[in-house]
């Protein structure tokens, strides 16, 4: 059996209870060494074989899984955050399907949630933003043309931008071209929830400058939109004393 497990955003105690249990039981662990906190490997048993996928190809990863399956061993494929976001798990699952190897998937806390906690941000403030757009700039992996930063910026929703720390001048240009004002609140969160986490409040127009001043070149998320700063917003109706819900009547 192969278990895909979300490691969480960084802090070793932010893995799920189920994910930790699977690590404790695993015979083989393949972890994303460039992003997963190595402290998580301390949950494994002494006889566990550990592979760092940062140095492996997809074919090599599948080969390790196949060999473990033939030997009757349990494998944990440990991905950063929640692997449904930029985790490249579909291509692994498809190859396992071809080989008839069973797998399951344990979700994790995504880095975009960790970034919100680092900044004490609520992404969906009433009358400010009720949508969160998770996206990235194109690099060696392209982005479909219909999913351009400019087209998303036109919505003025909250945006969380992954995998783009080295392209912040261009990111700012596209955000502004799409409709955000240069003084729209923004933030850079470096290694959210890790011990060396850093957060920087800025604006859409000063993203690149802020990163350069603080020597942030990778492993960061960019948060964009008015919800990042908070400001004026409507109170939630759920807890409004004048609002009737399924569980309580409005107070006069």
Protein backbone atom coordinates (compact mmCIF):
# COMPACT_ATOMS: atom_id res chain seq x y z
CA UNK A 1 0.00 0.00 0.00
CA UNK A 2 1.18 3.52 -0.81
CA UNK A 3 -0.04 6.41 1.31
CA UNK A 4 0.22 9.93 -0.10
CA UNK A 5 0.46 12.20 2.94
CA UNK A 6 0.34 15.98 3.24
CA UNK A 7 3.12 17.04 5.59
CA UNK A 8 1.58 20.41 6.40
CA UNK A 9 3.12 23.85 5.80
CA UNK A 10 6.30 23.38 7.82
CA UNK A 11 5.97 23.02 11.58
CA UNK A 12 6.36 19.34 12.50
CA UNK A 13 3.32 19.42 14.79
CA UNK A 14 1.03 20.66 12.00
CA UNK A 15 0.86 17.30 10.26
CA UNK A 16 -2.52 15.63 10.79
CA UNK A 17 -2.97 12.93 13.42
CA UNK A 18 -3.58 10.40 10.62
CA UNK A 19 -0.52 11.54 8.71
CA UNK A 20 1.69 11.16 11.79
CA UNK A 21 0.31 7.70 12.45
CA UNK A 22 1.06 6.62 8.89
CA UNK A 23 4.63 7.90 9.21
CA UNK A 24 5.05 5.94 12.42
CA UNK A 25 3.89 2.74 10.68
CA UNK A 26 5.74 3.17 7.38
CA UNK A 27 8.46 0.79 6.19
CA UNK A 28 9.52 3.17 3.40
CA UNK A 29 9.21 6.97 3.25
CA UNK A 30 9.79 9.05 0.14
CA UNK A 31 9.77 12.71 1.13
CA UNK A 32 10.12 15.98 -0.77
CA UNK A 33 13.47 16.92 0.74
CA UNK A 34 13.61 20.43 -0.68
CA UNK A 35 10.39 21.46 1.09
CA UNK A 36 9.37 19.03 3.86
CA UNK A 37 10.61 19.73 7.39
CA UNK A 38 13.11 16.93 8.17
CA UNK A 39 11.89 16.91 11.79
CA UNK A 40 8.89 14.96 10.50
CA UNK A 41 11.18 12.03 9.78
CA UNK A 42 11.74 11.67 13.53
CA UNK A 43 8.24 10.14 13.69
CA UNK A 44 9.40 7.12 11.65
CA UNK A 45 10.51 3.84 13.20
CA UNK A 46 14.19 2.85 13.35
CA UNK A 47 13.93 0.29 10.57
CA UNK A 48 12.27 2.66 8.08
CA UNK A 49 14.05 3.27 4.76
CA UNK A 50 14.00 6.95 3.77
CA UNK A 51 14.42 8.41 0.28
CA UNK A 52 14.76 12.10 -0.63
CA UNK A 53 12.71 12.68 -3.79
CA UNK A 54 14.48 15.99 -4.49
CA UNK A 55 17.26 13.86 -5.98
CA UNK A 56 14.96 11.43 -7.80
CA UNK A 57 13.02 11.29 -11.05
CA UNK A 58 9.38 10.23 -11.26
CA UNK A 59 10.49 6.86 -12.59
CA UNK A 60 12.86 6.36 -9.66
CA UNK A 61 10.11 7.25 -7.17
CA UNK A 62 7.75 4.70 -8.76
CA UNK A 63 10.53 2.12 -8.79
CA UNK A 64 10.98 2.48 -5.01
CA UNK A 65 7.22 2.16 -4.49
CA UNK A 66 7.04 -0.90 -6.74
CA UNK A 67 9.92 -2.63 -4.99
CA UNK A 68 8.39 -1.94 -1.57
CA UNK A 69 5.06 -3.32 -2.77
CA UNK A 70 6.73 -6.51 -4.03
CA UNK A 71 8.34 -6.93 -0.60
CA UNK A 72 5.03 -6.45 1.19
CA UNK A 73 6.06 -3.13 2.71
CA UNK A 74 4.05 0.03 3.39
CA UNK A 75 5.19 3.25 1.71
CA UNK A 76 4.46 6.85 2.68
CA UNK A 77 4.95 9.45 -0.05
CA UNK A 78 5.34 12.63 2.01
CA UNK A 79 4.53 15.87 0.21
CA UNK A 80 4.71 19.41 1.51
CA UNK A 81 1.51 21.22 2.53
CA UNK A 82 -1.46 19.51 0.92
CA UNK A 83 -0.30 17.64 -2.19
CA UNK A 84 -3.42 18.55 -4.16
CA UNK A 85 -1.82 21.98 -4.75
CA UNK A 86 1.28 21.81 -6.98
CA UNK A 87 2.08 18.37 -5.58
CA UNK A 88 2.51 16.44 -8.86
CA UNK A 89 0.60 13.51 -7.38
CA UNK A 90 -1.66 12.75 -10.34
CA UNK A 91 1.24 11.50 -12.46
CA UNK A 92 2.33 9.19 -9.64
CA UNK A 93 -1.20 7.87 -9.11
CA UNK A 94 -1.65 7.19 -12.81
CA UNK A 95 1.53 5.07 -12.94
CA UNK A 96 0.48 3.19 -9.79
CA UNK A 97 -2.90 2.52 -11.42
CA UNK A 98 -1.11 1.02 -14.42
CA UNK A 99 0.81 -1.28 -12.10
CA UNK A 100 -2.24 -2.23 -10.04
CA UNK A 101 -0.72 -0.81 -6.84
CA UNK A 102 -3.27 0.46 -4.32
CA UNK A 103 -2.89 3.89 -2.72
CA UNK A 104 -4.78 6.41 -0.66
CA UNK A 105 -4.35 10.09 0.14
CA UNK A 106 -4.25 11.87 3.50
CA UNK A 107 -4.70 15.64 3.15
CA UNK A 108 -2.53 18.18 4.93
CA UNK A 109 -2.61 21.84 5.92
CA UNK A 110 -1.66 23.83 2.84
CA UNK A 111 0.99 26.54 2.94
CA UNK A 112 -1.64 29.11 1.97
CA UNK A 113 -3.38 28.34 5.27
CA UNK A 114 -0.07 28.55 7.10
CA UNK A 115 0.60 31.93 5.50
CA UNK A 116 -2.78 33.23 6.66
CA UNK A 117 -2.01 32.14 10.21
CA UNK A 118 1.39 33.81 10.05
CA UNK A 119 -0.24 37.12 9.11
CA UNK A 120 -3.42 36.72 11.22
CA UNK A 121 -5.37 37.14 7.99
CA UNK A 122 -8.91 36.07 7.11
CA UNK A 123 -8.98 35.72 3.34
CA UNK A 124 -12.78 35.93 3.04
CA UNK A 125 -13.89 39.11 4.79
CA UNK A 126 -17.58 39.98 4.19
CA UNK A 127 -17.99 42.80 1.66
CA UNK A 128 -14.24 42.74 0.94
CA UNK A 129 -13.56 39.35 -0.67
CA UNK A 130 -15.46 36.09 -0.64
CA UNK A 131 -13.14 34.21 -2.96
CA UNK A 132 -9.52 33.05 -2.84
CA UNK A 133 -7.57 32.55 -6.05
CA UNK A 134 -4.56 30.25 -5.74
CA UNK A 135 -2.20 30.57 -8.67
CA UNK A 136 1.39 30.97 -9.81
CA UNK A 137 3.49 32.69 -12.44
CA UNK A 138 4.61 30.58 -15.36
CA UNK A 139 8.20 29.37 -15.19
CA UNK A 140 9.56 26.23 -16.76
CA UNK A 141 6.09 24.81 -16.14
CA UNK A 142 3.64 26.85 -18.25
CA UNK A 143 0.31 28.27 -17.10
CA UNK A 144 -2.75 28.03 -19.42
CA UNK A 145 -3.31 31.41 -21.18
CA UNK A 146 -6.85 31.66 -19.80
CA UNK A 147 -5.37 31.60 -16.27
CA UNK A 148 -3.17 34.67 -16.59
CA UNK A 149 -2.41 36.79 -13.53
CA UNK A 150 -4.06 39.74 -15.28
CA UNK A 151 -7.35 37.90 -15.79
CA UNK A 152 -7.46 36.84 -12.14
CA UNK A 153 -6.52 40.33 -10.93
CA UNK A 154 -9.62 41.72 -12.64
CA UNK A 155 -11.78 40.01 -10.01
CA UNK A 156 -10.15 41.90 -7.11
CA UNK A 157 -10.54 38.75 -5.01
CA UNK A 158 -7.91 37.64 -2.52
CA UNK A 159 -4.99 36.03 -4.34
CA UNK A 160 -2.31 33.69 -3.02
CA UNK A 161 0.61 33.29 -5.41
CA UNK A 162 2.86 30.24 -5.13
CA UNK A 163 6.21 29.46 -6.79
CA UNK A 164 6.87 33.01 -8.00
CA UNK A 165 9.28 34.65 -5.57
CA UNK A 166 11.94 35.16 -8.23
CA UNK A 167 9.52 36.96 -10.58
CA UNK A 168 8.04 39.68 -8.38
CA UNK A 169 8.73 42.63 -10.68
CA UNK A 170 6.74 40.90 -13.41
CA UNK A 171 4.09 39.75 -10.93
CA UNK A 172 3.51 43.35 -9.79
CA UNK A 173 3.31 44.56 -13.38
CA UNK A 174 0.70 41.96 -14.28
CA UNK A 175 -1.36 42.51 -11.12
CA UNK A 176 -1.52 46.25 -11.83
CA UNK A 177 -2.25 45.66 -15.52
CA UNK A 178 -5.10 43.39 -14.48
CA UNK A 179 -6.74 45.96 -12.24
CA UNK A 180 -5.14 46.08 -8.80
CA UNK A 181 -4.01 49.52 -7.69
CA UNK A 182 -0.29 49.76 -6.85
CA UNK A 183 -1.15 50.53 -3.21
CA UNK A 184 -3.34 47.40 -2.83
CA UNK A 185 -2.28 45.60 0.37
CA UNK A 186 0.05 42.64 -0.06
CA UNK A 187 2.35 40.46 2.00
CA UNK A 188 5.27 38.13 1.54
CA UNK A 189 5.39 35.12 3.86
CA UNK A 190 8.67 33.21 3.91
CA UNK A 191 8.58 29.59 5.15
CA UNK A 192 5.19 29.85 6.84
CA UNK A 193 5.06 28.08 10.24
CA UNK A 194 8.74 27.04 10.13
CA UNK A 195 11.00 28.17 13.02
CA UNK A 196 12.64 30.71 10.67
CA UNK A 197 9.35 32.07 9.34
CA UNK A 198 9.41 35.70 8.21
CA UNK A 199 6.53 37.97 7.21
CA UNK A 200 6.60 41.28 5.39
CA UNK A 201 3.65 43.60 4.81
CA UNK A 202 3.87 45.63 1.63
CA UNK A 203 1.78 46.61 -1.40
CA UNK A 204 1.32 45.24 -4.89
CA UNK A 205 3.69 47.92 -6.15
CA UNK A 206 6.44 47.15 -3.63
CA UNK A 207 6.51 43.33 -3.72
CA UNK A 208 9.84 43.07 -5.53
CA UNK A 209 11.46 45.87 -3.55
CA UNK A 210 10.39 44.27 -0.26
CA UNK A 211 11.79 40.89 -1.29
CA UNK A 212 15.12 42.39 -2.38
CA UNK A 213 15.49 44.43 0.81
CA UNK A 214 14.99 41.30 2.90
CA UNK A 215 16.90 38.86 0.68
CA UNK A 216 13.84 36.69 0.02
CA UNK A 217 14.47 34.69 -3.15
CA UNK A 218 12.47 31.46 -2.72
CA UNK A 219 10.15 29.45 -0.45
CA UNK A 220 7.67 32.30 -0.01
CA UNK A 221 4.02 32.99 -0.75
CA UNK A 222 2.59 36.31 -1.88
CA UNK A 223 -0.78 37.38 -0.48
CA UNK A 224 -2.68 39.99 -2.48
CA UNK A 225 -5.85 41.97 -1.85
CA UNK A 226 -7.71 44.23 0.55
CA UNK A 227 -8.42 41.34 2.92
CA UNK A 228 -4.69 41.11 3.66
CA UNK A 229 -4.82 44.38 5.57
CA UNK A 230 -8.31 43.92 6.97
CA UNK A 231 -9.66 47.45 7.13
CA UNK A 232 -13.40 48.06 6.94
CA UNK A 233 -15.62 45.01 6.50
CA UNK A 234 -19.14 43.84 7.36
CA UNK A 235 -19.74 41.75 10.45
CA UNK A 236 -20.61 38.10 9.91
CA UNK A 237 -24.36 37.47 9.83
CA UNK A 238 -23.79 34.12 11.53
CA UNK A 239 -23.07 35.80 14.88
CA UNK A 240 -25.22 38.91 14.42
CA UNK A 241 -27.79 39.06 17.26
CA UNK A 242 -30.40 40.45 14.84
CA UNK A 243 -30.01 37.52 12.43
CA UNK A 244 -32.05 34.30 12.74
CA UNK A 245 -30.29 31.02 12.06
CA UNK A 246 -31.25 27.35 12.21
CA UNK A 247 -29.95 27.22 15.78
CA UNK A 248 -31.19 30.48 17.36
CA UNK A 249 -33.75 33.20 16.84
CA UNK A 250 -32.88 36.85 16.31
CA UNK A 251 -32.90 39.08 19.36
CA UNK A 252 -35.16 42.10 19.26
